[in-house]
Protein backbone atom coordinates (compact mmCIF):
# COMPACT_ATOMS: atom_id res chain seq x y z
CA MET A 1 0.00 0.00 0.00
CA ASN A 2 1.39 3.40 -0.94
CA ILE A 3 1.31 6.53 1.22
CA ARG A 4 -2.13 7.59 -0.03
CA GLY A 5 -3.49 4.18 0.91
CA VAL A 6 -2.00 4.41 4.39
CA VAL A 7 -3.39 7.91 4.90
CA THR A 8 -6.81 6.85 3.61
CA THR A 9 -6.82 3.82 5.91
CA ALA A 10 -5.93 6.04 8.87
CA LEU A 11 -8.67 8.51 7.90
CA PHE A 12 -11.37 5.84 7.80
CA ALA A 13 -10.07 4.26 11.04
CA SER A 14 -10.31 7.72 12.62
CA LEU A 15 -13.89 8.09 11.42
CA ILE A 16 -14.78 4.69 12.90
CA ILE A 17 -13.23 5.80 16.20
CA VAL A 18 -15.23 9.05 16.14
CA GLY A 19 -18.33 6.97 15.42
CA SER A 20 -17.66 4.87 18.52
CA PHE A 21 -17.70 7.98 20.71
CA ILE A 22 -21.26 8.83 19.64
CA VAL A 23 -23.14 6.48 21.96
CA ILE A 24 -26.83 6.03 22.68
CA PRO A 25 -27.16 3.47 25.49
CA VAL A 26 -30.05 1.08 24.84
CA GLY A 27 -29.00 -1.91 26.92
CA VAL A 28 -26.17 -4.37 26.63
CA VAL A 29 -25.15 -3.23 23.13
CA PRO A 30 -25.14 0.58 22.64
CA ILE A 31 -26.11 2.35 19.43
CA THR A 32 -23.04 3.95 17.84
CA LEU A 33 -22.02 5.29 14.45
CA GLN A 34 -19.15 2.82 14.02
CA THR A 35 -21.15 0.76 11.55
CA LEU A 36 -22.01 3.85 9.49
CA PHE A 37 -18.33 4.58 8.93
CA VAL A 38 -17.44 0.93 8.27
CA LEU A 39 -20.16 0.83 5.59
CA LEU A 40 -18.99 4.17 4.20
CA ALA A 41 -15.39 2.94 4.00
CA GLY A 42 -16.53 -0.18 2.17
CA VAL A 43 -18.67 1.68 -0.34
CA LEU A 44 -16.44 4.67 -1.02
CA ALA A 45 -13.01 2.99 -0.79
CA GLY A 46 -13.57 -0.72 -1.43
CA LYS A 47 -12.81 -3.83 0.56
CA LYS A 48 -9.02 -3.40 0.81
CA ILE A 49 -9.17 0.02 2.51
CA ALA A 50 -12.30 -0.88 4.51
CA LEU A 51 -10.71 -4.05 5.90
CA SER A 52 -7.46 -2.22 6.65
CA ALA A 53 -9.23 0.64 8.44
CA THR A 54 -11.49 -1.67 10.43
CA SER A 55 -8.57 -3.92 11.36
CA LEU A 56 -6.56 -0.90 12.48
CA TYR A 57 -9.49 0.26 14.61
CA LEU A 58 -9.81 -3.16 16.26
CA VAL A 59 -6.05 -3.50 16.87
CA LEU A 60 -5.97 -0.06 18.50
CA GLY A 61 -8.80 -1.18 20.77
CA VAL A 62 -7.19 -4.52 21.59
CA VAL A 63 -3.95 -2.86 22.73
CA GLY A 64 -5.98 -0.79 25.17
CA LEU A 65 -6.51 2.55 23.47
CA PRO A 66 -9.94 3.98 24.35
CA VAL A 67 -11.46 3.61 20.87
CA PHE A 68 -14.42 1.33 21.60
CA SER A 69 -17.86 2.65 22.58
CA GLY A 70 -17.82 4.66 25.76
CA ALA A 71 -14.11 5.52 25.24
CA THR A 72 -12.93 2.11 26.42
CA GLY A 73 -10.45 -0.39 25.09
CA GLY A 74 -8.78 -3.70 25.82
CA LEU A 75 -8.90 -7.32 24.76
CA ALA A 76 -11.60 -8.08 27.35
CA HIS A 77 -14.19 -6.47 25.05
CA PHE A 78 -13.86 -9.43 22.69
CA PHE A 79 -14.89 -11.81 25.48
CA GLY A 80 -17.90 -9.77 26.58
CA PRO A 81 -21.37 -9.51 25.04
CA THR A 82 -20.28 -7.00 22.37
CA GLY A 83 -17.30 -9.07 21.21
CA GLY A 84 -19.19 -10.69 18.36
CA PHE A 85 -20.29 -7.30 17.07
CA LEU A 86 -16.71 -6.03 17.15
CA MET A 87 -15.55 -9.06 15.14
CA GLY A 88 -18.56 -8.62 12.85
CA LEU A 89 -17.23 -5.21 11.83
CA LEU A 90 -14.57 -7.00 9.76
CA VAL A 91 -17.21 -9.00 7.91
CA MET A 92 -19.27 -5.85 7.44
CA ALA A 93 -16.26 -4.09 5.90
CA LEU A 94 -15.52 -7.07 3.67
CA VAL A 95 -19.11 -7.44 2.40
CA SER A 96 -19.78 -3.74 1.79
CA GLY A 97 -16.38 -3.39 0.11
CA PHE A 98 -16.91 -6.50 -2.02
CA PHE A 99 -20.21 -5.22 -3.40
CA SER A 100 -18.71 -1.78 -3.96
CA ASP A 101 -15.78 -3.32 -5.84
CA LEU A 102 -18.22 -5.36 -7.89
CA ALA A 103 -20.31 -2.28 -8.71
CA TYR A 104 -17.21 -0.33 -9.67
CA SER A 105 -15.98 -3.14 -11.94
CA ARG A 106 -19.20 -2.71 -13.91
CA GLN A 107 -18.35 0.92 -14.58
CA SER A 108 -19.32 2.13 -18.02
CA LYS A 109 -18.23 5.29 -19.81
CA LYS A 110 -20.96 7.25 -18.02
CA GLU A 111 -20.05 9.87 -15.46
CA LYS A 112 -22.93 8.86 -13.19
CA LEU A 113 -23.68 5.82 -11.09
CA ASP A 114 -26.09 3.66 -13.08
CA LYS A 115 -29.13 1.82 -11.76
CA HIS A 116 -27.45 -1.61 -11.66
CA GLN A 117 -24.44 -0.30 -9.77
CA PHE A 118 -26.68 1.47 -7.27
CA ILE A 119 -28.72 -1.71 -6.71
CA LEU A 120 -25.49 -3.68 -6.11
CA ILE A 121 -24.41 -1.13 -3.53
CA ILE A 122 -27.80 -1.21 -1.76
CA VAL A 123 -27.81 -5.03 -1.70
CA GLY A 124 -24.27 -4.96 -0.31
CA LEU A 125 -25.26 -2.52 2.42
CA PHE A 126 -28.17 -4.71 3.53
CA ILE A 127 -26.13 -7.92 3.48
CA ALA A 128 -23.27 -6.19 5.33
CA SER A 129 -25.69 -4.91 7.97
CA ILE A 130 -27.20 -8.36 8.42
CA SER A 131 -23.75 -9.98 8.59
CA ILE A 132 -22.80 -8.15 11.77
CA TYR A 133 -25.89 -9.62 13.45
CA ALA A 134 -25.06 -13.09 12.14
CA ILE A 135 -21.89 -12.94 14.24
CA GLY A 136 -22.93 -10.66 17.10
CA LEU A 137 -26.31 -12.21 17.95
CA PRO A 138 -25.11 -15.78 18.64
CA TYR A 139 -22.06 -14.46 20.48
CA LEU A 140 -24.24 -12.29 22.74
CA LYS A 141 -26.70 -15.16 23.26
CA PHE A 142 -24.01 -17.55 24.47
CA THR A 143 -22.03 -14.94 26.42
CA LEU A 144 -25.06 -13.88 28.44
CA ASN A 145 -26.76 -17.30 28.38
CA LEU A 146 -29.99 -15.89 26.90
CA SER A 147 -32.73 -17.45 24.82
CA TRP A 148 -32.65 -16.70 21.10
CA THR A 149 -35.74 -14.54 21.44
CA LYS A 150 -34.31 -12.48 24.30
CA ALA A 151 -30.96 -12.09 22.51
CA PHE A 152 -32.77 -10.99 19.32
CA LEU A 153 -34.85 -8.47 21.25
CA LEU A 154 -31.75 -7.06 22.98
CA SER A 155 -29.28 -6.98 20.13
CA VAL A 156 -31.23 -6.64 16.89
CA VAL A 157 -34.66 -5.04 17.29
CA PRO A 158 -33.50 -1.71 18.83
CA PHE A 159 -30.99 -1.25 16.00
CA ILE A 160 -33.16 -1.88 12.94
CA PRO A 161 -34.44 1.72 12.50
CA GLY A 162 -30.92 3.14 12.92
CA ASP A 163 -29.44 0.60 10.53
CA ILE A 164 -32.01 1.47 7.89
CA LEU A 165 -31.19 5.16 8.37
CA LYS A 166 -27.45 4.41 8.09
CA ILE A 167 -28.04 2.47 4.86
CA VAL A 168 -30.02 5.39 3.43
CA VAL A 169 -27.29 7.89 4.39
CA VAL A 170 -24.49 5.75 2.91
CA ALA A 171 -26.55 5.10 -0.25
CA LEU A 172 -27.17 8.84 -0.69
CA LEU A 173 -23.47 9.59 -0.20
CA ALA A 174 -22.58 6.80 -2.63
CA ASN A 175 -24.92 8.27 -5.21
CA ILE A 176 -23.03 11.56 -4.96
CA PHE A 177 -19.41 10.48 -4.39
CA PHE A 178 -19.08 6.84 -5.50
CA LEU A 179 -17.49 7.30 -8.91
CA LYS A 180 -15.13 10.06 -7.81
CA THR A 181 -13.87 8.27 -4.73
CA ARG A 182 -13.67 4.85 -6.36
CA LYS A 183 -11.62 6.27 -9.20
CA TYR A 184 -9.28 7.88 -6.67
CA PHE A 185 -9.00 4.70 -4.59
CA SER A 186 -8.53 2.45 -7.61
CA GLU A 187 -5.48 4.57 -8.47
CA LEU A 188 -4.01 3.48 -5.13
CA ASP A 189 -3.77 -0.07 -6.44
CA GLN A 190 -1.80 0.96 -9.53
């Protein structure tokens, strides 16, 4: 990765950290904007940068820097109820970045995002948002020894409206910036 790639990775990692400081406590798992910035990194920069930025964020938290929600850090977070959601951020970055890369590979000569590319991005955002629950929900269930219903009610239901709003925001930003940023970030690979 060249210097622009390193700087871009650090920028998105910083945005994910800022997103973790915006906390709305709703129970065991707080609402934060981390996922918004992971999705944004995936869509605007692709899977390579998104995975790098998310990995950097998680490593900073593991070594004890206060980058996780509530300005906390440490390896212990991965063994608590939110550990699965933290690990799920990597899958979220991978999925959103994969669909963004796929949409960009279908780029035509047009200067605008076409309908098929936009649909690919939207599908990727939904699958990425579901993927974090696929890891976080079972982890929370077993960590807290809850029933599936109780775990679902604690760790999925309160987040659905916010996740839909985050998908809308990222989709709107993608509609405006996708081609410009993807062109810039694809130059990083050359």
